[in-house]
Amino acid sequence: MANFSSSMILVLIAGIQIVNAGFAISKFQSLNKDTNQTISELSTALGAAFPPCCSDIISTIACRRLQQSNPTKFLDRCTSDADFSLIQCCNTCGIESAADRYELLFEHGHKSSECFDRHGPEFCKRFLKKEDVWGKSQWSCDGSTAHLAFRICRKTCNFCRRDIYRTPLGRFQPVACGKAPVLVPN
């Protein structure tokens, strides 16, 4: 597989979303910004194509201190709190098991208790479509800022899919922040 930059760029051409992680995801709706699409349709078309990175965003030292001070509570948060398990202390919870934790936390997809947006629908729709203040920013549902998108607009960015680590071509390997997603072929 070719080397890719850490900022994952989505190219939208004729309804096919090419992800520079090396595969294409077909889309059936029009991707015209001027249409009055629902957030659900936009999420499917523009949302996350792969999972967020797995690091200790609050710092490895902080995560290890939390783990040492109360191992039982730490383990409980790793298995029940999506932000903690998959963003804040993902590496300390276990990078090798991040995909499995993700599948368990989002077992019921959009009906999972961890599937929500911290901001309102209009805010997240603007974030998703890169409108308003997001227009010229690098922040998006994918790429180097996917962990931010997961925290603020998780539902709108389509992170609630249980199968985000799985594709028809293989499974994404959890990677540390700053690294390109790695697709392990079937």
C-alpha atoms as a PDB file:
ATOM      1  CA  MET A   1       0.000   0.000   0.000  1.00  0.00           C
ATOM      2  CA  ALA A   2       1.300   3.485  -0.814  1.00  0.00           C
ATOM      3  CA  ASN A   3       2.377   5.901   1.915  1.00  0.00           C
ATOM      4  CA  PHE A   4      -0.323   8.429   2.836  1.00  0.00           C
ATOM      5  CA  SER A   5      -0.148  11.716   4.723  1.00  0.00           C
ATOM      6  CA  SER A   6      -1.614  11.837   8.221  1.00  0.00           C
ATOM      7  CA  SER A   7      -4.414  14.162   7.147  1.00  0.00           C
ATOM      8  CA  MET A   8      -6.809  11.839   5.360  1.00  0.00           C
ATOM      9  CA  ILE A   9      -8.444  13.552   2.417  1.00  0.00           C
ATOM     10  CA  LEU A  10     -11.757  12.469   0.995  1.00  0.00           C
ATOM     11  CA  VAL A  11     -12.271  12.993  -2.689  1.00  0.00           C
ATOM     12  CA  LEU A  12     -15.859  12.940  -3.860  1.00  0.00           C
ATOM     13  CA  ILE A  13     -16.314  12.033  -7.500  1.00  0.00           C
ATOM     14  CA  ALA A  14     -19.581  11.051  -9.161  1.00  0.00           C
ATOM     15  CA  GLY A  15     -21.037   9.621  -5.995  1.00  0.00           C
ATOM     16  CA  ILE A  16     -17.974   7.498  -5.130  1.00  0.00           C
ATOM     17  CA  GLN A  17     -16.025   8.431  -2.041  1.00  0.00           C
ATOM     18  CA  ILE A  18     -12.342   7.583  -2.481  1.00  0.00           C
ATOM     19  CA  VAL A  19     -10.529   7.390   0.816  1.00  0.00           C
ATOM     20  CA  ASN A  20      -6.790   7.648   0.561  1.00  0.00           C
ATOM     21  CA  ALA A  21      -6.577   4.661   2.895  1.00  0.00           C
ATOM     22  CA  GLY A  22      -6.758   2.661  -0.325  1.00  0.00           C
ATOM     23  CA  PHE A  23     -10.390   1.765  -0.926  1.00  0.00           C
ATOM     24  CA  ALA A  24     -13.592   3.201  -2.334  1.00  0.00           C
ATOM     25  CA  ILE A  25     -16.982   3.401  -0.649  1.00  0.00           C
ATOM     26  CA  SER A  26     -19.888   3.815  -2.997  1.00  0.00           C
ATOM     27  CA  LYS A  27     -22.474   6.456  -2.262  1.00  0.00           C
ATOM     28  CA  PHE A  28     -25.872   6.666  -3.872  1.00  0.00           C
ATOM     29  CA  GLN A  29     -27.061  10.129  -2.944  1.00  0.00           C
ATOM     30  CA  SER A  30     -26.173  13.361  -4.650  1.00  0.00           C
ATOM     31  CA  LEU A  31     -23.432  15.208  -2.793  1.00  0.00           C
ATOM     32  CA  ASN A  32     -24.521  18.670  -3.917  1.00  0.00           C
ATOM     33  CA  LYS A  33     -24.202  21.125  -0.977  1.00  0.00           C
ATOM     34  CA  ASP A  34     -27.283  23.040  -2.076  1.00  0.00           C
ATOM     35  CA  THR A  35     -29.751  20.170  -1.704  1.00  0.00           C
ATOM     36  CA  ASN A  36     -31.877  19.926   1.401  1.00  0.00           C
ATOM     37  CA  GLN A  37     -30.543  16.585   2.596  1.00  0.00           C
ATOM     38  CA  THR A  38     -31.233  15.216   6.028  1.00  0.00           C
ATOM     39  CA  ILE A  39     -28.414  14.925   8.541  1.00  0.00           C
ATOM     40  CA  SER A  40     -28.654  11.134   8.219  1.00  0.00           C
ATOM     41  CA  GLU A  41     -28.139  11.294   4.443  1.00  0.00           C
ATOM     42  CA  LEU A  42     -25.266  13.746   4.855  1.00  0.00           C
ATOM     43  CA  SER A  43     -23.666  11.584   7.548  1.00  0.00           C
ATOM     44  CA  THR A  44     -23.719   8.608   5.241  1.00  0.00           C
ATOM     45  CA  ALA A  45     -22.233  10.634   2.389  1.00  0.00           C
ATOM     46  CA  LEU A  46     -19.747  12.837   4.259  1.00  0.00           C
ATOM     47  CA  GLY A  47     -19.259  11.160   7.632  1.00  0.00           C
ATOM     48  CA  ALA A  48     -16.374   9.103   8.926  1.00  0.00           C
ATOM     49  CA  ALA A  49     -15.068   6.440   6.585  1.00  0.00           C
ATOM     50  CA  PHE A  50     -12.736   4.987   9.213  1.00  0.00           C
ATOM     51  CA  PRO A  51     -12.336   5.046  12.999  1.00  0.00           C
ATOM     52  CA  PRO A  52     -10.598   7.790  14.967  1.00  0.00           C
ATOM     53  CA  CYS A  53      -7.012   7.291  16.066  1.00  0.00           C
ATOM     54  CA  CYS A  54      -6.240   5.550  19.368  1.00  0.00           C
ATOM     55  CA  SER A  55      -3.979   7.470  21.751  1.00  0.00           C
ATOM     56  CA  ASP A  56      -3.994   8.772  25.278  1.00  0.00           C
ATOM     57  CA  ILE A  57      -5.240  12.273  24.483  1.00  0.00           C
ATOM     58  CA  ILE A  58      -5.207  13.318  28.161  1.00  0.00           C
ATOM     59  CA  SER A  59      -1.587  11.984  28.344  1.00  0.00           C
ATOM     60  CA  THR A  60      -0.190   8.556  29.075  1.00  0.00           C
ATOM     61  CA  ILE A  61       0.966   9.703  32.521  1.00  0.00           C
ATOM     62  CA  ALA A  62      -2.573  10.790  33.479  1.00  0.00           C
ATOM     63  CA  CYS A  63      -4.071   7.544  32.148  1.00  0.00           C
ATOM     64  CA  ARG A  64      -1.556   5.384  33.994  1.00  0.00           C
ATOM     65  CA  ARG A  65      -2.146   7.305  37.223  1.00  0.00           C
ATOM     66  CA  LEU A  66      -5.895   6.762  36.876  1.00  0.00           C
ATOM     67  CA  GLN A  67      -5.275   3.078  36.198  1.00  0.00           C
ATOM     68  CA  GLN A  68      -2.977   2.689  39.223  1.00  0.00           C
ATOM     69  CA  SER A  69      -5.181   4.653  41.620  1.00  0.00           C
ATOM     70  CA  ASN A  70      -8.314   2.573  40.940  1.00  0.00           C
ATOM     71  CA  PRO A  71      -7.774  -0.356  38.528  1.00  0.00           C
ATOM     72  CA  THR A  72     -11.375  -1.597  38.788  1.00  0.00           C
ATOM     73  CA  LYS A  73     -12.915   1.776  37.960  1.00  0.00           C
ATOM     74  CA  PHE A  74     -10.366   2.298  35.157  1.00  0.00           C
ATOM     75  CA  LEU A  75     -11.272  -1.057  33.576  1.00  0.00           C
ATOM     76  CA  ASP A  76     -14.985  -0.277  33.935  1.00  0.00           C
ATOM     77  CA  ARG A  77     -14.518   3.040  32.094  1.00  0.00           C
ATOM     78  CA  CYS A  78     -12.525   1.255  29.372  1.00  0.00           C
ATOM     79  CA  THR A  79     -15.477  -1.051  28.743  1.00  0.00           C
ATOM     80  CA  SER A  80     -18.389   1.362  29.211  1.00  0.00           C
ATOM     81  CA  ASP A  81     -17.354   4.957  28.381  1.00  0.00           C
ATOM     82  CA  ALA A  82     -16.676   5.566  24.673  1.00  0.00           C
ATOM     83  CA  ASP A  83     -14.831   8.872  25.156  1.00  0.00           C
ATOM     84  CA  PHE A  84     -12.575   7.450  27.835  1.00  0.00           C
ATOM     85  CA  SER A  85     -12.022   4.086  26.130  1.00  0.00           C
ATOM     86  CA  LEU A  86     -11.546   5.241  22.543  1.00  0.00           C
ATOM     87  CA  ILE A  87     -10.130   8.767  22.840  1.00  0.00           C
ATOM     88  CA  GLN A  88      -8.941   9.904  26.275  1.00  0.00           C
ATOM     89  CA  CYS A  89      -7.080   6.729  27.396  1.00  0.00           C
ATOM     90  CA  CYS A  90      -7.395   4.476  24.345  1.00  0.00           C
ATOM     91  CA  ASN A  91      -3.766   3.339  24.335  1.00  0.00           C
ATOM     92  CA  THR A  92      -3.688   2.567  28.072  1.00  0.00           C
ATOM     93  CA  CYS A  93      -7.032   0.732  27.806  1.00  0.00           C
ATOM     94  CA  GLY A  94      -5.316  -1.330  25.079  1.00  0.00           C
ATOM     95  CA  ILE A  95      -4.723  -0.268  21.486  1.00  0.00           C
ATOM     96  CA  GLU A  96      -4.839  -3.913  20.370  1.00  0.00           C
ATOM     97  CA  SER A  97      -8.411  -4.277  21.710  1.00  0.00           C
ATOM     98  CA  ALA A  98      -9.730  -0.861  20.596  1.00  0.00           C
ATOM     99  CA  ALA A  99     -11.664  -2.317  17.643  1.00  0.00           C
ATOM    100  CA  ASP A 100     -13.363  -4.889  19.875  1.00  0.00           C
ATOM    101  CA  ARG A 101     -14.265  -2.241  22.488  1.00  0.00           C
ATOM    102  CA  TYR A 102     -15.658  -0.057  19.701  1.00  0.00           C
ATOM    103  CA  GLU A 103     -17.885  -2.876  18.456  1.00  0.00           C
ATOM    104  CA  LEU A 104     -19.194  -3.533  21.969  1.00  0.00           C
ATOM    105  CA  LEU A 105     -19.820   0.135  22.802  1.00  0.00           C
ATOM    106  CA  PHE A 106     -21.702   0.638  19.523  1.00  0.00           C
ATOM    107  CA  GLU A 107     -23.306  -2.791  19.357  1.00  0.00           C
ATOM    108  CA  HIS A 108     -26.726  -1.192  18.805  1.00  0.00           C
ATOM    109  CA  GLY A 109     -25.507   1.415  16.309  1.00  0.00           C
ATOM    110  CA  HIS A 110     -27.413   4.699  16.549  1.00  0.00           C
ATOM    111  CA  LYS A 111     -29.481   3.273  19.408  1.00  0.00           C
ATOM    112  CA  SER A 112     -26.372   2.758  21.577  1.00  0.00           C
ATOM    113  CA  SER A 113     -26.247   4.897  24.713  1.00  0.00           C
ATOM    114  CA  GLU A 114     -22.832   6.241  23.595  1.00  0.00           C
ATOM    115  CA  CYS A 115     -24.238   7.502  20.270  1.00  0.00           C
ATOM    116  CA  PHE A 116     -24.898  11.217  20.642  1.00  0.00           C
ATOM    117  CA  ASP A 117     -23.693  14.674  19.608  1.00  0.00           C
ATOM    118  CA  ARG A 118     -22.450  17.052  22.293  1.00  0.00           C
ATOM    119  CA  HIS A 119     -23.586  19.985  20.161  1.00  0.00           C
ATOM    120  CA  GLY A 120     -26.913  20.637  18.460  1.00  0.00           C
ATOM    121  CA  PRO A 121     -27.950  19.334  15.045  1.00  0.00           C
ATOM    122  CA  GLU A 122     -27.310  22.607  13.199  1.00  0.00           C
ATOM    123  CA  PHE A 123     -23.805  22.966  14.659  1.00  0.00           C
ATOM    124  CA  CYS A 124     -22.916  19.383  13.728  1.00  0.00           C
ATOM    125  CA  LYS A 125     -24.451  19.710  10.262  1.00  0.00           C
ATOM    126  CA  ARG A 126     -22.237  22.769   9.606  1.00  0.00           C
ATOM    127  CA  PHE A 127     -19.237  20.846  10.946  1.00  0.00           C
ATOM    128  CA  LEU A 128     -20.029  17.856   8.729  1.00  0.00           C
ATOM    129  CA  LYS A 129     -20.546  19.981   5.589  1.00  0.00           C
ATOM    130  CA  LYS A 130     -17.540  22.225   6.432  1.00  0.00           C
ATOM    131  CA  GLU A 131     -19.686  25.344   6.347  1.00  0.00           C
ATOM    132  CA  ASP A 132     -19.483  28.587   8.269  1.00  0.00           C
ATOM    133  CA  VAL A 133     -16.362  28.740  10.492  1.00  0.00           C
ATOM    134  CA  TRP A 134     -15.463  25.163   9.473  1.00  0.00           C
ATOM    135  CA  GLY A 135     -15.166  26.053   5.767  1.00  0.00           C
ATOM    136  CA  LYS A 136     -11.451  26.694   5.670  1.00  0.00           C
ATOM    137  CA  SER A 137     -10.405  24.640   8.672  1.00  0.00           C
ATOM    138  CA  GLN A 138      -8.755  21.237   8.595  1.00  0.00           C
ATOM    139  CA  TRP A 139     -11.254  19.915  11.144  1.00  0.00           C
ATOM    140  CA  SER A 140     -13.519  17.237   9.746  1.00  0.00           C
ATOM    141  CA  CYS A 141     -15.051  13.875  10.564  1.00  0.00           C
ATOM    142  CA  ASP A 142     -12.029  12.049   9.147  1.00  0.00           C
ATOM    143  CA  GLY A 143      -8.322  12.588   9.221  1.00  0.00           C
ATOM    144  CA  SER A 144      -6.102  13.970  11.920  1.00  0.00           C
ATOM    145  CA  THR A 145      -9.024  15.603  13.749  1.00  0.00           C
ATOM    146  CA  ALA A 146     -11.376  12.601  13.789  1.00  0.00           C
ATOM    147  CA  HIS A 147     -10.896  12.257  17.545  1.00  0.00           C
ATOM    148  CA  LEU A 148     -12.319  15.787  17.978  1.00  0.00           C
ATOM    149  CA  ALA A 149     -15.233  14.952  15.672  1.00  0.00           C
ATOM    150  CA  PHE A 150     -15.856  11.786  17.695  1.00  0.00           C
ATOM    151  CA  ARG A 151     -16.153  13.896  20.859  1.00  0.00           C
ATOM    152  CA  ILE A 152     -18.327  16.752  19.554  1.00  0.00           C
ATOM    153  CA  CYS A 153     -20.448  15.332  16.698  1.00  0.00           C
ATOM    154  CA  ARG A 154     -20.137  11.544  17.001  1.00  0.00           C
ATOM    155  CA  LYS A 155     -23.655  10.730  15.789  1.00  0.00           C
ATOM    156  CA  THR A 156     -23.665  13.224  12.910  1.00  0.00           C
ATOM    157  CA  CYS A 157     -20.195  12.154  11.769  1.00  0.00           C
ATOM    158  CA  ASN A 158     -21.452   8.553  11.556  1.00  0.00           C
ATOM    159  CA  PHE A 159     -19.142   7.132  14.239  1.00  0.00           C
ATOM    160  CA  CYS A 160     -21.934   5.054  15.764  1.00  0.00           C
ATOM    161  CA  ARG A 161     -21.565   2.254  13.257  1.00  0.00           C
ATOM    162  CA  ARG A 162     -20.552  -0.980  14.966  1.00  0.00           C
ATOM    163  CA  ASP A 163     -18.702  -2.001  11.809  1.00  0.00           C
ATOM    164  CA  ILE A 164     -16.542   1.123  11.368  1.00  0.00           C
ATOM    165  CA  TYR A 165     -13.417  -1.036  11.723  1.00  0.00           C
ATOM    166  CA  ARG A 166     -14.676  -3.545   9.139  1.00  0.00           C
ATOM    167  CA  THR A 167     -14.897  -3.025   5.391  1.00  0.00           C
ATOM    168  CA  PRO A 168     -15.549  -5.452   2.537  1.00  0.00           C
ATOM    169  CA  LEU A 169     -11.791  -5.374   1.847  1.00  0.00           C
ATOM    170  CA  GLY A 170     -10.539  -5.945   5.400  1.00  0.00           C
ATOM    171  CA  ARG A 171     -10.372  -4.497   8.880  1.00  0.00           C
ATOM    172  CA  PHE A 172      -8.792  -1.280  10.089  1.00  0.00           C
ATOM    173  CA  GLN A 173      -6.040  -1.757  12.617  1.00  0.00           C
ATOM    174  CA  PRO A 174      -6.245   0.751  15.498  1.00  0.00           C
ATOM    175  CA  VAL A 175      -3.398   3.262  15.135  1.00  0.00           C
ATOM    176  CA  ALA A 176      -1.959   6.029  17.274  1.00  0.00           C
ATOM    177  CA  CYS A 177      -2.906   9.620  16.484  1.00  0.00           C
ATOM    178  CA  GLY A 178      -0.775  11.173  13.775  1.00  0.00           C
ATOM    179  CA  LYS A 179      -0.594   7.934  11.781  1.00  0.00           C
ATOM    180  CA  ALA A 180      -2.663   7.006   8.748  1.00  0.00           C
ATOM    181  CA  PRO A 181      -5.313   4.294   9.243  1.00  0.00           C
ATOM    182  CA  VAL A 182      -4.011   0.856   8.322  1.00  0.00           C
ATOM    183  CA  LEU A 183      -6.355  -1.471   6.453  1.00  0.00           C
ATOM    184  CA  VAL A 184      -5.442  -5.120   6.987  1.00  0.00           C
ATOM    185  CA  PRO A 185      -6.784  -7.036   3.945  1.00  0.00           C
ATOM    186  CA  ASN A 186      -9.105 -10.026   4.442  1.00  0.00           C
END
